[in-house]
C-alpha atoms as a PDB file:
ATOM      1  CA  MET A   1     -34.042 -28.578  41.267  1.00  0.00           C
ATOM      2  CA  SER A   2     -32.256 -31.123  38.975  1.00  0.00           C
ATOM      3  CA  SER A   3     -33.491 -28.367  37.125  1.00  0.00           C
ATOM      4  CA  ILE A   4     -30.908 -25.779  38.518  1.00  0.00           C
ATOM      5  CA  ARG A   5     -28.962 -27.884  38.109  1.00  0.00           C
ATOM      6  CA  SER A   6     -28.554 -28.336  34.363  1.00  0.00           C
ATOM      7  CA  VAL A   7     -28.475 -24.480  33.793  1.00  0.00           C
ATOM      8  CA  VAL A   8     -25.790 -24.338  36.497  1.00  0.00           C
ATOM      9  CA  LEU A   9     -23.614 -26.767  34.508  1.00  0.00           C
ATOM     10  CA  ALA A  10     -24.562 -26.061  30.973  1.00  0.00           C
ATOM     11  CA  LEU A  11     -23.305 -21.595  31.817  1.00  0.00           C
ATOM     12  CA  SER A  12     -20.419 -23.643  33.811  1.00  0.00           C
ATOM     13  CA  GLY A  13     -19.550 -25.722  30.733  1.00  0.00           C
ATOM     14  CA  MET A  14     -19.726 -22.180  27.723  1.00  0.00           C
ATOM     15  CA  ALA A  15     -17.869 -20.479  30.358  1.00  0.00           C
ATOM     16  CA  ALA A  16     -15.556 -22.885  30.242  1.00  0.00           C
ATOM     17  CA  GLY A  17     -15.360 -23.279  26.719  1.00  0.00           C
ATOM     18  CA  ILE A  18     -15.572 -19.245  25.895  1.00  0.00           C
ATOM     19  CA  ALA A  19     -12.705 -19.002  28.184  1.00  0.00           C
ATOM     20  CA  LEU A  20     -10.552 -21.927  26.048  1.00  0.00           C
ATOM     21  CA  ALA A  21     -11.737 -20.399  22.786  1.00  0.00           C
ATOM     22  CA  LEU A  22     -10.226 -16.483  23.878  1.00  0.00           C
ATOM     23  CA  ALA A  23      -7.331 -18.020  25.467  1.00  0.00           C
ATOM     24  CA  CYS A  24      -6.227 -20.123  22.075  1.00  0.00           C
ATOM     25  CA  ASN A  25      -6.890 -16.640  19.802  1.00  0.00           C
ATOM     26  CA  GLY A  26      -8.553 -19.345  17.464  1.00  0.00           C
ATOM     27  CA  GLU A  27      -5.532 -20.747  16.343  1.00  0.00           C
ATOM     28  CA  GLY A  28      -4.126 -23.610  18.180  1.00  0.00           C
ATOM     29  CA  SER A  29      -4.314 -25.770  21.045  1.00  0.00           C
ATOM     30  CA  ALA A  30      -4.252 -24.955  24.770  1.00  0.00           C
ATOM     31  CA  ALA A  31      -0.265 -24.583  24.782  1.00  0.00           C
ATOM     32  CA  ASP A  32      -0.320 -21.884  22.671  1.00  0.00           C
ATOM     33  CA  ALA A  33      -1.719 -19.149  24.993  1.00  0.00           C
ATOM     34  CA  ALA A  34       1.259 -20.391  27.044  1.00  0.00           C
ATOM     35  CA  ASP A  35       3.816 -18.832  25.572  1.00  0.00           C
ATOM     36  CA  GLY A  36       2.088 -15.900  25.524  1.00  0.00           C
ATOM     37  CA  GLY A  37       0.794 -16.341  21.996  1.00  0.00           C
ATOM     38  CA  ALA A  38       4.222 -15.075  20.293  1.00  0.00           C
ATOM     39  CA  CYS A  39       4.875 -16.901  17.193  1.00  0.00           C
ATOM     40  CA  ASP A  40       8.339 -18.641  16.174  1.00  0.00           C
ATOM     41  CA  CYS A  41       7.754 -18.821  12.345  1.00  0.00           C
ATOM     42  CA  PRO A  42       9.643 -17.710  10.349  1.00  0.00           C
ATOM     43  CA  PRO A  43       7.771 -14.381   8.347  1.00  0.00           C
ATOM     44  CA  ALA A  44       6.762 -14.724   5.181  1.00  0.00           C
ATOM     45  CA  GLU A  45       7.886 -11.863   3.988  1.00  0.00           C
ATOM     46  CA  PRO A  46      11.007  -9.303   5.326  1.00  0.00           C
ATOM     47  CA  PRO A  47       9.684  -6.169   6.902  1.00  0.00           C
ATOM     48  CA  LEU A  48       8.597  -3.389   4.614  1.00  0.00           C
ATOM     49  CA  GLU A  49      11.326  -0.376   6.331  1.00  0.00           C
ATOM     50  CA  GLY A  50      12.869   0.479   3.371  1.00  0.00           C
ATOM     51  CA  ARG A  51      10.931  -1.316   0.878  1.00  0.00           C
ATOM     52  CA  ILE A  52       8.434   1.439  -0.075  1.00  0.00           C
ATOM     53  CA  VAL A  53       9.999   3.913  -2.287  1.00  0.00           C
ATOM     54  CA  ARG A  54       9.208   7.166  -4.548  1.00  0.00           C
ATOM     55  CA  VAL A  55      10.168   7.751  -7.470  1.00  0.00           C
ATOM     56  CA  SER A  56       9.414  10.818  -9.605  1.00  0.00           C
ATOM     57  CA  ASN A  57      10.602  12.943 -11.796  1.00  0.00           C
ATOM     58  CA  SER A  58       9.174  16.726 -13.420  1.00  0.00           C
ATOM     59  CA  LEU A  59       8.028  18.539 -16.719  1.00  0.00           C
ATOM     60  CA  GLU A  60       7.590  21.433 -17.950  1.00  0.00           C
ATOM     61  CA  ILE A  61       4.243  21.955 -19.253  1.00  0.00           C
ATOM     62  CA  ALA A  62       4.689  25.215 -21.520  1.00  0.00           C
ATOM     63  CA  GLU A  63       1.893  27.937 -22.037  1.00  0.00           C
ATOM     64  CA  ASN A  64      -1.616  26.677 -23.290  1.00  0.00           C
ATOM     65  CA  SER A  65      -0.753  22.996 -23.876  1.00  0.00           C
ATOM     66  CA  VAL A  66      -1.025  19.605 -22.115  1.00  0.00           C
ATOM     67  CA  GLY A  67       1.996  17.782 -21.039  1.00  0.00           C
ATOM     68  CA  SER A  68       2.381  14.380 -19.646  1.00  0.00           C
ATOM     69  CA  LEU A  69       4.727  11.962 -17.526  1.00  0.00           C
ATOM     70  CA  ALA A  70       5.329   8.989 -16.941  1.00  0.00           C
ATOM     71  CA  VAL A  71       7.015   7.026 -13.614  1.00  0.00           C
ATOM     72  CA  GLY A  72       7.501   3.371 -13.664  1.00  0.00           C
ATOM     73  CA  CYS A  73       8.801   0.796 -11.163  1.00  0.00           C
ATOM     74  CA  ASP A  74      10.674  -0.801 -13.386  1.00  0.00           C
ATOM     75  CA  THR A  75      13.869  -1.447 -12.468  1.00  0.00           C
ATOM     76  CA  GLY A  76      15.945   1.118 -13.645  1.00  0.00           C
ATOM     77  CA  SER A  77      14.117   3.111 -11.708  1.00  0.00           C
ATOM     78  CA  LEU A  78      14.863   1.133  -8.531  1.00  0.00           C
ATOM     79  CA  ASP A  79      18.894   1.453  -8.816  1.00  0.00           C
ATOM     80  CA  GLY A  80      18.303  -1.982 -10.484  1.00  0.00           C
ATOM     81  CA  LYS A  81      15.759  -3.215  -8.299  1.00  0.00           C
ATOM     82  CA  GLU A  82      12.753  -4.640  -9.310  1.00  0.00           C
ATOM     83  CA  GLY A  83       9.019  -3.293  -7.395  1.00  0.00           C
ATOM     84  CA  ILE A  84       5.906  -3.303  -8.024  1.00  0.00           C
ATOM     85  CA  LEU A  85       3.442   0.323  -8.423  1.00  0.00           C
ATOM     86  CA  LEU A  86       1.248   0.893  -4.949  1.00  0.00           C
ATOM     87  CA  GLY A  87       0.177   3.910  -5.751  1.00  0.00           C
ATOM     88  CA  GLY A  88       1.719   7.559  -7.261  1.00  0.00           C
ATOM     89  CA  SER A  89       0.546  11.220  -7.005  1.00  0.00           C
ATOM     90  CA  CYS A  90       0.971  14.190  -9.630  1.00  0.00           C
ATOM     91  CA  SER A  91       1.584  17.942  -9.050  1.00  0.00           C
ATOM     92  CA  LEU A  92       2.495  20.860  -9.819  1.00  0.00           C
ATOM     93  CA  GLN A  93       5.628  22.781  -8.568  1.00  0.00           C
ATOM     94  CA  SER A  94       3.261  26.778  -9.031  1.00  0.00           C
ATOM     95  CA  LEU A  95       0.111  25.937  -6.732  1.00  0.00           C
ATOM     96  CA  SER A  96      -0.551  29.502  -8.611  1.00  0.00           C
ATOM     97  CA  SER A  97      -1.228  27.969 -11.784  1.00  0.00           C
ATOM     98  CA  GLU A  98      -3.938  27.837 -14.346  1.00  0.00           C
ATOM     99  CA  ALA A  99      -3.772  24.235 -14.565  1.00  0.00           C
ATOM    100  CA  PHE A 100      -5.709  21.271 -14.395  1.00  0.00           C
ATOM    101  CA  LEU A 101      -5.189  17.487 -13.944  1.00  0.00           C
ATOM    102  CA  ASN A 102      -6.900  15.874 -16.767  1.00  0.00           C
ATOM    103  CA  TYR A 103      -5.721  12.632 -16.133  1.00  0.00           C
ATOM    104  CA  ALA A 104      -3.611  10.076 -12.521  1.00  0.00           C
ATOM    105  CA  GLY A 105      -3.803   6.543 -11.987  1.00  0.00           C
ATOM    106  CA  ILE A 106      -2.058   3.180 -14.214  1.00  0.00           C
ATOM    107  CA  SER A 107      -2.200   3.404 -18.209  1.00  0.00           C
ATOM    108  CA  PRO A 108      -1.451   0.986 -19.755  1.00  0.00           C
ATOM    109  CA  GLN A 109      -0.691   3.395 -23.336  1.00  0.00           C
ATOM    110  CA  THR A 110       1.997   4.260 -21.069  1.00  0.00           C
ATOM    111  CA  GLY A 111       3.866   1.201 -19.448  1.00  0.00           C
ATOM    112  CA  GLY A 112       1.182  -0.767 -18.522  1.00  0.00           C
ATOM    113  CA  GLU A 113       0.428  -1.389 -14.774  1.00  0.00           C
ATOM    114  CA  ASN A 114       3.659  -1.277 -13.666  1.00  0.00           C
ATOM    115  CA  THR A 115       3.832   2.603 -14.812  1.00  0.00           C
ATOM    116  CA  TRP A 116       1.548   5.676 -12.724  1.00  0.00           C
ATOM    117  CA  PHE A 117       1.147   8.478 -15.282  1.00  0.00           C
ATOM    118  CA  CYS A 118      -0.052  11.598 -15.384  1.00  0.00           C
ATOM    119  CA  GLN A 119      -1.506  13.842 -17.475  1.00  0.00           C
ATOM    120  CA  TRP A 120      -2.416  17.812 -16.790  1.00  0.00           C
ATOM    121  CA  ARG A 121      -3.190  20.735 -19.031  1.00  0.00           C
ATOM    122  CA  ASN A 122      -2.067  24.773 -18.606  1.00  0.00           C
ATOM    123  CA  ASP A 123      -4.447  27.254 -19.610  1.00  0.00           C
ATOM    124  CA  GLY A 124      -2.636  30.050 -18.545  1.00  0.00           C
ATOM    125  CA  ASP A 125      -0.274  32.278 -20.529  1.00  0.00           C
ATOM    126  CA  ASP A 126       3.338  31.388 -17.981  1.00  0.00           C
ATOM    127  CA  PRO A 127       4.537  27.791 -17.926  1.00  0.00           C
ATOM    128  CA  ASP A 128       4.606  25.400 -15.034  1.00  0.00           C
ATOM    129  CA  THR A 129       6.407  22.282 -13.985  1.00  0.00           C
ATOM    130  CA  MET A 130       4.876  18.977 -13.392  1.00  0.00           C
ATOM    131  CA  ILE A 131       5.813  16.486 -10.748  1.00  0.00           C
ATOM    132  CA  THR A 132       4.869  12.481 -11.461  1.00  0.00           C
ATOM    133  CA  THR A 133       5.691  10.581  -8.338  1.00  0.00           C
ATOM    134  CA  ALA A 134       5.411   6.442  -8.341  1.00  0.00           C
ATOM    135  CA  VAL A 135       5.003   4.834  -4.728  1.00  0.00           C
ATOM    136  CA  CYS A 136       6.579   1.634  -5.517  1.00  0.00           C
ATOM    137  CA  LEU A 137       6.706  -1.931  -3.158  1.00  0.00           C
ATOM    138  CA  VAL A 138      10.858  -3.208  -3.664  1.00  0.00           C
ATOM    139  CA  LEU A 139      10.060  -6.811  -3.881  1.00  0.00           C
ATOM    140  CA  PRO A 140      12.041  -8.818  -1.828  1.00  0.00           C
ATOM    141  CA  GLY A 141      15.472 -10.926  -1.564  1.00  0.00           C
ATOM    142  CA  GLN A 142      17.210  -7.921  -3.611  1.00  0.00           C
ATOM    143  CA  ASP A 143      20.333  -7.117  -1.513  1.00  0.00           C
END
């Protein structure tokens, strides 16, 4: 009978400990759970809405040639604001083109880590227009 009582007490203690840990969400005391887990501390950074900006530029690639274009997240591209590159894209204006993408990404030779670079090779008999887009995050505090 004593061993059954010990097992019941041990299971009760474990259940209470698990309930308390879940109520605290692993971040504080039981008092923190009483407010529904709402955080009243100031945000570490302003919201992202309106701070992620796309910057694009285009360039015509002549027939049977190579064309390159870099777009950056510098103050000139972002209306005087400072930003950092998150990523980018390379596309063509014509979907029936005979152009091929040679390189897409960050290229230290074209402006460093804050610049998206695209290089296309046009094997066709007609010119095409390449479009390079950089996705930038405007740094906080530049209103």
